[in-house]
């Protein structure tokens, strides 16, 4: 194999109670006043307040920005940036799911770059590091706490922009499965299938490497064998811990091996129809896997084995069924608009670059056919 690079945060605390390390970690990084990026839900649950208390107990001042919405937008980033500069914060703590973490990473790099954020979309486009970020995930899905990837929505163009850069890596991740015990069932399912997809796509990616293979296969085992229990019994800490560890491992895997066609197609689908990222991924996963499996049969067979199944496509369809992933029709996606936007979505998917990592390369017309098939499956 050719030489490969593997990047990850310099500090990772994992395990029940890891949140207690937040204050000491901020001090270790030399932070004195942080912008705490979160959302209204984390404030209402008290999770953001707990993080603030831990920081201030370590003599780290905090300014709270809770204006992050699901699938964060350029406007969210600019609003957070204005508050960061107003209070002269020297670092950022993100508390929440992938949306607050991605928004925090975007604020951090936007602070050191005067140009509009869209100019840096793509791979390794940021010339300068941003402020240090400590990521505290409260869902077991995106893996954003350990990835060099962030996704920000441009609402004017209905485009989810993907940024991948070493400067988008958090300085530290605090991964505490206790924070996931209150996750709603629907969110557990959607982010769990998203995390599984990260692992699957990292394993079959044309950019896979031995280190990402090990992480991806471990993540596939952990998530596939525990997601149903986490979904049906949300208070089961053993299952929650396994899925969160798997999500983190999947994040490390895909951040270094990249995602592929499923993610390439999911971003424009979510942007055009305002679907959450996890749901967009989950509805596409079985059909796109069926399209791809013939180009890497041994790899997909190994995935099925790790899941304890004989056929990968059936395994994924059964998992979606068991955790009640809705169809596009069930999500009330209007068929006429969906058909009208298939060409745009296919173009945007290819432009993201992710489909180029897929074991079977897809043309724009083949991607349109896949979108059609996914919609028809929900009939």
Protein backbone atom coordinates (compact mmCIF):
# COMPACT_ATOMS: atom_id res chain seq x y z
CA UNK A 1 0.00 0.00 0.00
CA UNK A 2 1.03 3.62 -0.39
CA UNK A 3 1.80 5.77 2.64
CA UNK A 4 -1.29 7.10 4.42
CA UNK A 5 -1.85 9.80 7.00
CA UNK A 6 -4.05 9.39 10.08
CA UNK A 7 -5.26 12.44 12.01
CA UNK A 8 -7.24 12.64 15.24
CA UNK A 9 -7.72 15.01 18.21
CA UNK A 10 -4.72 15.23 20.52
CA UNK A 11 -6.87 14.49 23.59
CA UNK A 12 -9.77 12.01 23.82
CA UNK A 13 -11.52 11.22 27.10
CA UNK A 14 -13.99 8.33 26.73
CA UNK A 15 -16.25 6.59 29.24
CA UNK A 16 -19.05 7.11 31.73
CA UNK A 17 -18.24 10.23 33.73
CA UNK A 18 -15.75 11.62 31.21
CA UNK A 19 -17.55 14.96 31.29
CA UNK A 20 -15.81 15.65 34.62
CA UNK A 21 -12.60 16.11 32.62
CA UNK A 22 -13.97 19.14 30.77
CA UNK A 23 -12.57 21.80 33.10
CA UNK A 24 -9.11 20.25 33.46
CA UNK A 25 -8.92 19.73 29.70
CA UNK A 26 -9.74 23.37 29.02
CA UNK A 27 -6.99 24.40 31.43
CA UNK A 28 -4.56 21.94 29.82
CA UNK A 29 -5.20 23.69 26.51
CA UNK A 30 -4.52 27.07 28.11
CA UNK A 31 -8.07 28.39 27.74
CA UNK A 32 -9.34 31.18 29.97
CA UNK A 33 -12.61 32.30 28.34
CA UNK A 34 -14.55 30.00 26.02
CA UNK A 35 -17.59 30.34 23.82
CA UNK A 36 -19.91 27.48 24.79
CA UNK A 37 -21.68 26.56 21.54
CA UNK A 38 -24.88 24.57 22.02
CA UNK A 39 -28.58 24.58 21.21
CA UNK A 40 -31.79 25.38 23.06
CA UNK A 41 -32.46 21.71 23.82
CA UNK A 42 -29.15 21.30 25.65
CA UNK A 43 -29.92 24.42 27.68
CA UNK A 44 -33.38 23.12 28.61
CA UNK A 45 -32.02 19.71 29.61
CA UNK A 46 -29.40 21.33 31.81
CA UNK A 47 -26.50 19.72 29.97
CA UNK A 48 -25.09 23.05 28.82
CA UNK A 49 -25.43 24.40 32.35
CA UNK A 50 -23.54 21.41 33.76
CA UNK A 51 -20.72 22.02 31.27
CA UNK A 52 -20.65 25.69 32.22
CA UNK A 53 -20.38 24.81 35.92
CA UNK A 54 -17.48 22.43 35.29
CA UNK A 55 -15.64 25.05 33.27
CA UNK A 56 -16.14 27.82 35.77
CA UNK A 57 -15.09 25.50 38.62
CA UNK A 58 -11.78 25.22 36.75
CA UNK A 59 -11.59 29.03 36.54
CA UNK A 60 -12.54 29.12 32.84
CA UNK A 61 -15.04 31.87 32.00
CA UNK A 62 -17.89 31.05 29.61
CA UNK A 63 -20.12 32.87 27.17
CA UNK A 64 -23.06 30.76 25.99
CA UNK A 65 -24.19 30.75 22.36
CA UNK A 66 -27.31 28.57 22.07
CA UNK A 67 -28.44 29.71 18.62
CA UNK A 68 -27.48 26.55 16.70
CA UNK A 69 -30.26 24.93 14.69
CA UNK A 70 -30.33 21.39 13.27
CA UNK A 71 -28.05 21.29 10.21
CA UNK A 72 -26.28 24.55 11.13
CA UNK A 73 -26.34 27.41 8.67
CA UNK A 74 -23.95 30.14 7.64
CA UNK A 75 -26.10 32.54 9.66
CA UNK A 76 -25.58 30.41 12.79
CA UNK A 77 -21.82 30.52 12.25
CA UNK A 78 -21.74 34.29 11.79
CA UNK A 79 -23.92 34.88 14.86
CA UNK A 80 -21.64 32.74 17.00
CA UNK A 81 -18.56 34.41 15.59
CA UNK A 82 -19.89 37.87 16.47
CA UNK A 83 -20.46 36.79 20.09
CA UNK A 84 -17.01 35.16 20.31
CA UNK A 85 -15.33 38.34 19.12
CA UNK A 86 -17.48 40.56 21.31
CA UNK A 87 -16.34 38.71 24.44
CA UNK A 88 -12.78 38.05 23.16
CA UNK A 89 -13.01 34.31 23.76
CA UNK A 90 -9.81 32.31 23.27
CA UNK A 91 -11.41 28.94 22.58
CA UNK A 92 -14.68 27.09 22.03
CA UNK A 93 -16.50 24.27 23.81
CA UNK A 94 -19.22 22.54 21.79
CA UNK A 95 -21.95 20.65 23.66
CA UNK A 96 -24.58 18.72 21.72
CA UNK A 97 -24.96 16.63 18.62
CA UNK A 98 -23.20 17.07 15.32
CA UNK A 99 -24.87 20.42 14.67
CA UNK A 100 -23.33 22.35 17.60
CA UNK A 101 -19.99 20.60 17.07
CA UNK A 102 -19.87 21.42 13.36
CA UNK A 103 -20.98 24.98 14.06
CA UNK A 104 -18.27 25.36 16.71
CA UNK A 105 -15.58 24.10 14.35
CA UNK A 106 -16.82 26.51 11.67
CA UNK A 107 -16.73 29.46 14.08
CA UNK A 108 -13.20 28.48 15.10
CA UNK A 109 -11.78 28.53 11.57
CA UNK A 110 -13.92 31.45 10.44
CA UNK A 111 -12.35 33.54 13.22
CA UNK A 112 -8.93 33.32 11.59
CA UNK A 113 -10.08 33.72 7.97
CA UNK A 114 -11.68 36.96 6.78
CA UNK A 115 -13.10 35.43 3.60
CA UNK A 116 -16.66 34.05 3.47
CA UNK A 117 -16.83 30.44 4.62
CA UNK A 118 -18.10 29.01 1.29
CA UNK A 119 -14.77 29.88 -0.33
CA UNK A 120 -13.16 27.09 1.71
CA UNK A 121 -15.59 24.26 0.87
CA UNK A 122 -13.87 21.04 -0.13
CA UNK A 123 -10.71 19.35 1.07
CA UNK A 124 -7.83 21.11 2.87
CA UNK A 125 -8.75 24.63 1.77
CA UNK A 126 -8.09 26.47 5.05
CA UNK A 127 -4.55 27.92 5.12
CA UNK A 128 -4.58 28.76 8.84
CA UNK A 129 -5.55 26.98 12.07
CA UNK A 130 -8.57 28.20 14.00
CA UNK A 131 -9.16 28.53 17.71
CA UNK A 132 -8.97 25.35 19.82
CA UNK A 133 -12.26 23.45 20.14
CA UNK A 134 -13.29 20.97 22.83
CA UNK A 135 -16.12 18.80 21.51
CA UNK A 136 -18.61 17.18 23.91
CA UNK A 137 -21.04 14.99 21.93
CA UNK A 138 -24.44 14.17 23.39
CA UNK A 139 -25.51 11.86 20.56
CA UNK A 140 -23.85 8.70 19.27
CA UNK A 141 -23.83 9.37 15.58
CA UNK A 142 -21.91 11.98 13.66
CA UNK A 143 -18.48 11.36 15.13
CA UNK A 144 -17.79 15.05 14.52
CA UNK A 145 -15.93 15.24 17.82
CA UNK A 146 -13.04 13.27 16.28
CA UNK A 147 -13.27 14.13 12.57
CA UNK A 148 -11.67 16.73 10.34
CA UNK A 149 -15.05 17.18 8.63
CA UNK A 150 -17.85 19.70 9.14
CA UNK A 151 -21.04 20.33 7.18
CA UNK A 152 -22.65 23.78 7.03
CA UNK A 153 -25.83 24.63 5.12
CA UNK A 154 -26.09 27.53 2.70
CA UNK A 155 -29.84 28.18 2.86
CA UNK A 156 -29.81 30.59 -0.09
CA UNK A 157 -28.52 27.89 -2.44
CA UNK A 158 -30.07 24.84 -0.69
CA UNK A 159 -26.59 23.32 -0.45
CA UNK A 160 -24.95 21.48 2.41
CA UNK A 161 -21.28 22.39 2.12
CA UNK A 162 -18.68 19.85 3.20
CA UNK A 163 -15.36 21.04 4.62
CA UNK A 164 -12.53 18.59 5.36
CA UNK A 165 -9.34 19.98 6.84
CA UNK A 166 -6.78 19.20 9.52
CA UNK A 167 -7.76 22.59 10.91
CA UNK A 168 -11.33 21.34 11.44
CA UNK A 169 -10.15 18.78 14.00
CA UNK A 170 -11.15 19.47 17.58
CA UNK A 171 -8.24 19.86 19.98
CA UNK A 172 -10.00 17.57 22.44
CA UNK A 173 -13.05 15.29 22.61
CA UNK A 174 -14.96 14.45 25.78
CA UNK A 175 -17.06 11.36 24.97
CA UNK A 176 -19.38 10.42 27.83
CA UNK A 177 -22.14 7.86 27.14
CA UNK A 178 -24.07 9.06 30.18
CA UNK A 179 -24.99 12.11 28.09
CA UNK A 180 -26.89 9.91 25.61
CA UNK A 181 -29.26 8.27 28.10
CA UNK A 182 -32.01 10.82 27.47
CA UNK A 183 -31.85 10.68 23.66
CA UNK A 184 -35.26 10.23 21.98
CA UNK A 185 -35.82 6.95 20.12
CA UNK A 186 -36.08 8.55 16.68
CA UNK A 187 -32.82 10.43 17.15
CA UNK A 188 -31.11 7.30 18.51
CA UNK A 189 -32.10 5.40 15.37
CA UNK A 190 -31.16 8.07 12.84
CA UNK A 191 -27.76 8.97 14.26
CA UNK A 192 -27.00 5.31 14.95
CA UNK A 193 -27.55 4.30 11.32
CA UNK A 194 -25.52 7.34 10.26
CA UNK A 195 -22.62 6.15 12.43
CA UNK A 196 -22.90 2.64 10.99
CA UNK A 197 -22.78 4.16 7.51
CA UNK A 198 -19.61 6.06 8.42
CA UNK A 199 -17.99 2.75 9.30
CA UNK A 200 -19.29 0.91 6.23
CA UNK A 201 -18.23 3.63 3.81
CA UNK A 202 -14.82 3.99 5.45
CA UNK A 203 -14.26 0.24 5.04
CA UNK A 204 -15.24 0.10 1.36
CA UNK A 205 -13.73 3.50 0.46
CA UNK A 206 -11.05 3.64 -2.20
CA UNK A 207 -9.00 5.52 0.42
CA UNK A 208 -9.25 2.87 3.13
CA UNK A 209 -6.06 2.02 5.02
CA UNK A 210 -5.19 -0.67 7.61
CA UNK A 211 -5.75 1.58 10.61
CA UNK A 212 -9.15 2.77 9.38
CA UNK A 213 -10.12 -0.83 8.54
CA UNK A 214 -9.58 -1.89 12.15
CA UNK A 215 -11.64 1.00 13.49
CA UNK A 216 -14.39 0.57 10.90
CA UNK A 217 -14.85 -3.15 11.56
CA UNK A 218 -14.93 -2.61 15.32
CA UNK A 219 -17.50 0.15 14.87
CA UNK A 220 -19.67 -2.06 12.63
CA UNK A 221 -19.71 -4.78 15.29
CA UNK A 222 -20.43 -2.42 18.18
CA UNK A 223 -23.20 -0.47 16.47
CA UNK A 224 -24.97 -3.27 14.63
CA UNK A 225 -25.10 -5.51 17.72
CA UNK A 226 -26.24 -2.81 20.13
CA UNK A 227 -28.32 -0.22 18.25
CA UNK A 228 -31.59 -2.13 18.52
CA UNK A 229 -31.21 -2.41 22.29
CA UNK A 230 -30.25 1.26 22.61
CA UNK A 231 -33.31 2.14 20.54
CA UNK A 232 -35.82 0.00 22.44
CA UNK A 233 -34.27 0.48 25.91
CA UNK A 234 -32.73 3.91 26.00
CA UNK A 235 -31.67 3.56 29.64
CA UNK A 236 -29.42 0.58 28.89
CA UNK A 237 -25.99 2.07 29.58
CA UNK A 238 -24.11 -0.94 28.22
CA UNK A 239 -25.81 -0.63 24.83
CA UNK A 240 -25.54 3.16 24.84
CA UNK A 241 -21.82 2.93 25.65
CA UNK A 242 -21.18 0.40 22.88
CA UNK A 243 -22.97 2.50 20.26
CA UNK A 244 -21.19 5.69 21.36
CA UNK A 245 -17.79 3.99 21.27
CA UNK A 246 -18.66 2.63 17.83
CA UNK A 247 -19.73 6.06 16.62
CA UNK A 248 -16.44 7.55 17.78
CA UNK A 249 -14.44 4.78 16.10
CA UNK A 250 -16.47 5.23 12.92
CA UNK A 251 -15.71 8.95 13.02
CA UNK A 252 -11.99 8.28 13.29
CA UNK A 253 -12.26 5.81 10.41
CA UNK A 254 -14.16 7.93 7.91
CA UNK A 255 -12.28 11.11 8.79
CA UNK A 256 -9.14 9.40 7.48
CA UNK A 257 -10.59 7.13 4.78
CA UNK A 258 -13.51 9.34 3.70
CA UNK A 259 -17.16 8.59 3.11
CA UNK A 260 -18.57 7.69 -0.29
CA UNK A 261 -21.75 7.66 -2.37
CA UNK A 262 -24.33 7.42 0.43
CA UNK A 263 -23.07 10.62 2.03
CA UNK A 264 -22.63 12.33 -1.32
CA UNK A 265 -26.31 11.72 -2.10
CA UNK A 266 -27.57 12.43 1.41
CA UNK A 267 -26.30 16.01 1.67
CA UNK A 268 -28.35 17.43 -1.24
CA UNK A 269 -31.35 15.32 -0.24
CA UNK A 270 -31.28 16.81 3.25
CA UNK A 271 -30.64 20.33 1.97
CA UNK A 272 -33.46 20.32 -0.59
CA UNK A 273 -36.10 18.76 1.67
CA UNK A 274 -34.92 19.90 5.11
CA UNK A 275 -34.39 16.35 6.35
CA UNK A 276 -31.97 15.65 9.16
CA UNK A 277 -28.64 14.23 8.11
CA UNK A 278 -29.16 10.90 9.86
CA UNK A 279 -32.53 10.27 8.23
CA UNK A 280 -31.17 11.23 4.80
CA UNK A 281 -28.38 8.71 5.26
CA UNK A 282 -30.60 5.92 6.57
CA UNK A 283 -33.17 6.03 3.78
CA UNK A 284 -30.43 5.85 1.13
CA UNK A 285 -28.16 3.24 2.71
CA UNK A 286 -29.73 -0.06 1.57
CA UNK A 287 -30.30 0.95 -2.08
CA UNK A 288 -26.87 2.55 -2.51
CA UNK A 289 -25.22 -0.48 -0.91
CA UNK A 290 -27.08 -2.78 -3.31
CA UNK A 291 -25.78 -0.65 -6.20
CA UNK A 292 -22.20 -0.79 -4.88
CA UNK A 293 -21.81 -4.32 -3.55
CA UNK A 294 -20.70 -5.96 -6.80
CA UNK A 295 -17.62 -3.73 -6.99
CA UNK A 296 -16.26 -4.87 -3.61
CA UNK A 297 -17.96 -8.19 -2.81
CA UNK A 298 -15.36 -9.41 -0.32
CA UNK A 299 -15.46 -6.19 1.67
CA UNK A 300 -19.25 -6.10 1.83
CA UNK A 301 -19.30 -9.80 2.77
CA UNK A 302 -16.95 -9.05 5.65
CA UNK A 303 -19.27 -6.29 6.82
CA UNK A 304 -22.20 -8.73 6.79
CA UNK A 305 -20.16 -11.20 8.87
CA UNK A 306 -19.35 -8.52 11.44
CA UNK A 307 -23.06 -7.75 11.65
CA UNK A 308 -23.82 -11.44 12.18
CA UNK A 309 -25.72 -11.63 8.89
CA UNK A 310 -25.30 -13.45 5.58
CA UNK A 311 -26.41 -10.72 3.19
CA UNK A 312 -25.46 -7.10 3.67
CA UNK A 313 -28.38 -5.51 1.83
CA UNK A 314 -30.97 -7.55 3.72
CA UNK A 315 -29.16 -6.81 6.98
CA UNK A 316 -29.40 -3.06 6.38
CA UNK A 317 -33.04 -3.18 5.34
CA UNK A 318 -33.86 -5.22 8.46
CA UNK A 319 -32.02 -2.78 10.71
CA UNK A 320 -33.90 0.17 9.24
CA UNK A 321 -37.16 -1.69 9.79
CA UNK A 322 -36.32 -2.65 13.37
CA UNK A 323 -35.52 0.92 14.40
CA UNK A 324 -38.44 2.38 12.43
CA UNK A 325 -36.60 4.48 9.88
CA UNK A 326 -39.36 6.13 7.81
CA UNK A 327 -39.52 6.14 4.01
CA UNK A 328 -39.36 9.31 1.94
CA UNK A 329 -43.10 9.02 1.40
CA UNK A 330 -43.55 8.57 5.15
CA UNK A 331 -41.55 11.75 5.62
CA UNK A 332 -44.02 13.57 3.34
CA UNK A 333 -41.43 14.38 0.70
CA UNK A 334 -43.56 15.60 -2.24
CA UNK A 335 -43.06 13.38 -5.27
CA UNK A 336 -43.39 16.12 -7.89
CA UNK A 337 -40.77 18.36 -6.31
CA UNK A 338 -38.56 15.36 -5.60
CA UNK A 339 -38.59 14.38 -9.26
CA UNK A 340 -37.96 17.96 -10.33
CA UNK A 341 -34.88 18.23 -8.13
CA UNK A 342 -33.28 14.85 -8.85
CA UNK A 343 -30.96 16.30 -11.48
CA UNK A 344 -29.78 19.09 -9.17
CA UNK A 345 -29.28 16.65 -6.32
CA UNK A 346 -27.23 14.31 -8.52
CA UNK A 347 -25.05 17.22 -9.70
CA UNK A 348 -24.54 18.44 -6.13
CA UNK A 349 -23.74 14.92 -4.96
CA UNK A 350 -20.98 14.52 -7.53
CA UNK A 351 -19.65 18.01 -6.84
CA UNK A 352 -19.13 17.11 -3.16
CA UNK A 353 -16.38 14.66 -4.13
CA UNK A 354 -17.53 11.86 -1.84
CA UNK A 355 -18.94 9.62 -4.62
CA UNK A 356 -15.44 9.40 -6.11
CA UNK A 357 -14.45 7.23 -3.12
CA UNK A 358 -17.20 4.67 -3.75
CA UNK A 359 -16.14 1.18 -4.87
CA UNK A 360 -18.52 1.50 -7.83
CA UNK A 361 -18.41 4.91 -9.47
CA UNK A 362 -21.79 6.39 -10.35
CA UNK A 363 -22.71 8.73 -13.18
CA UNK A 364 -25.22 11.53 -12.73
CA UNK A 365 -27.89 9.48 -14.50
CA UNK A 366 -27.22 6.48 -12.24
CA UNK A 367 -27.54 8.68 -9.17
CA UNK A 368 -30.87 9.95 -10.47
CA UNK A 369 -31.98 6.32 -10.89
CA UNK A 370 -30.95 5.60 -7.30
CA UNK A 371 -32.95 8.56 -6.03
CA UNK A 372 -35.95 7.25 -7.99
CA UNK A 373 -35.52 3.75 -6.56
CA UNK A 374 -35.32 5.00 -3.00
CA UNK A 375 -38.56 6.95 -3.40
CA UNK A 376 -40.32 4.00 -5.03
CA UNK A 377 -39.30 1.69 -2.19
CA UNK A 378 -41.44 3.71 0.18
CA UNK A 379 -44.60 3.12 -1.83
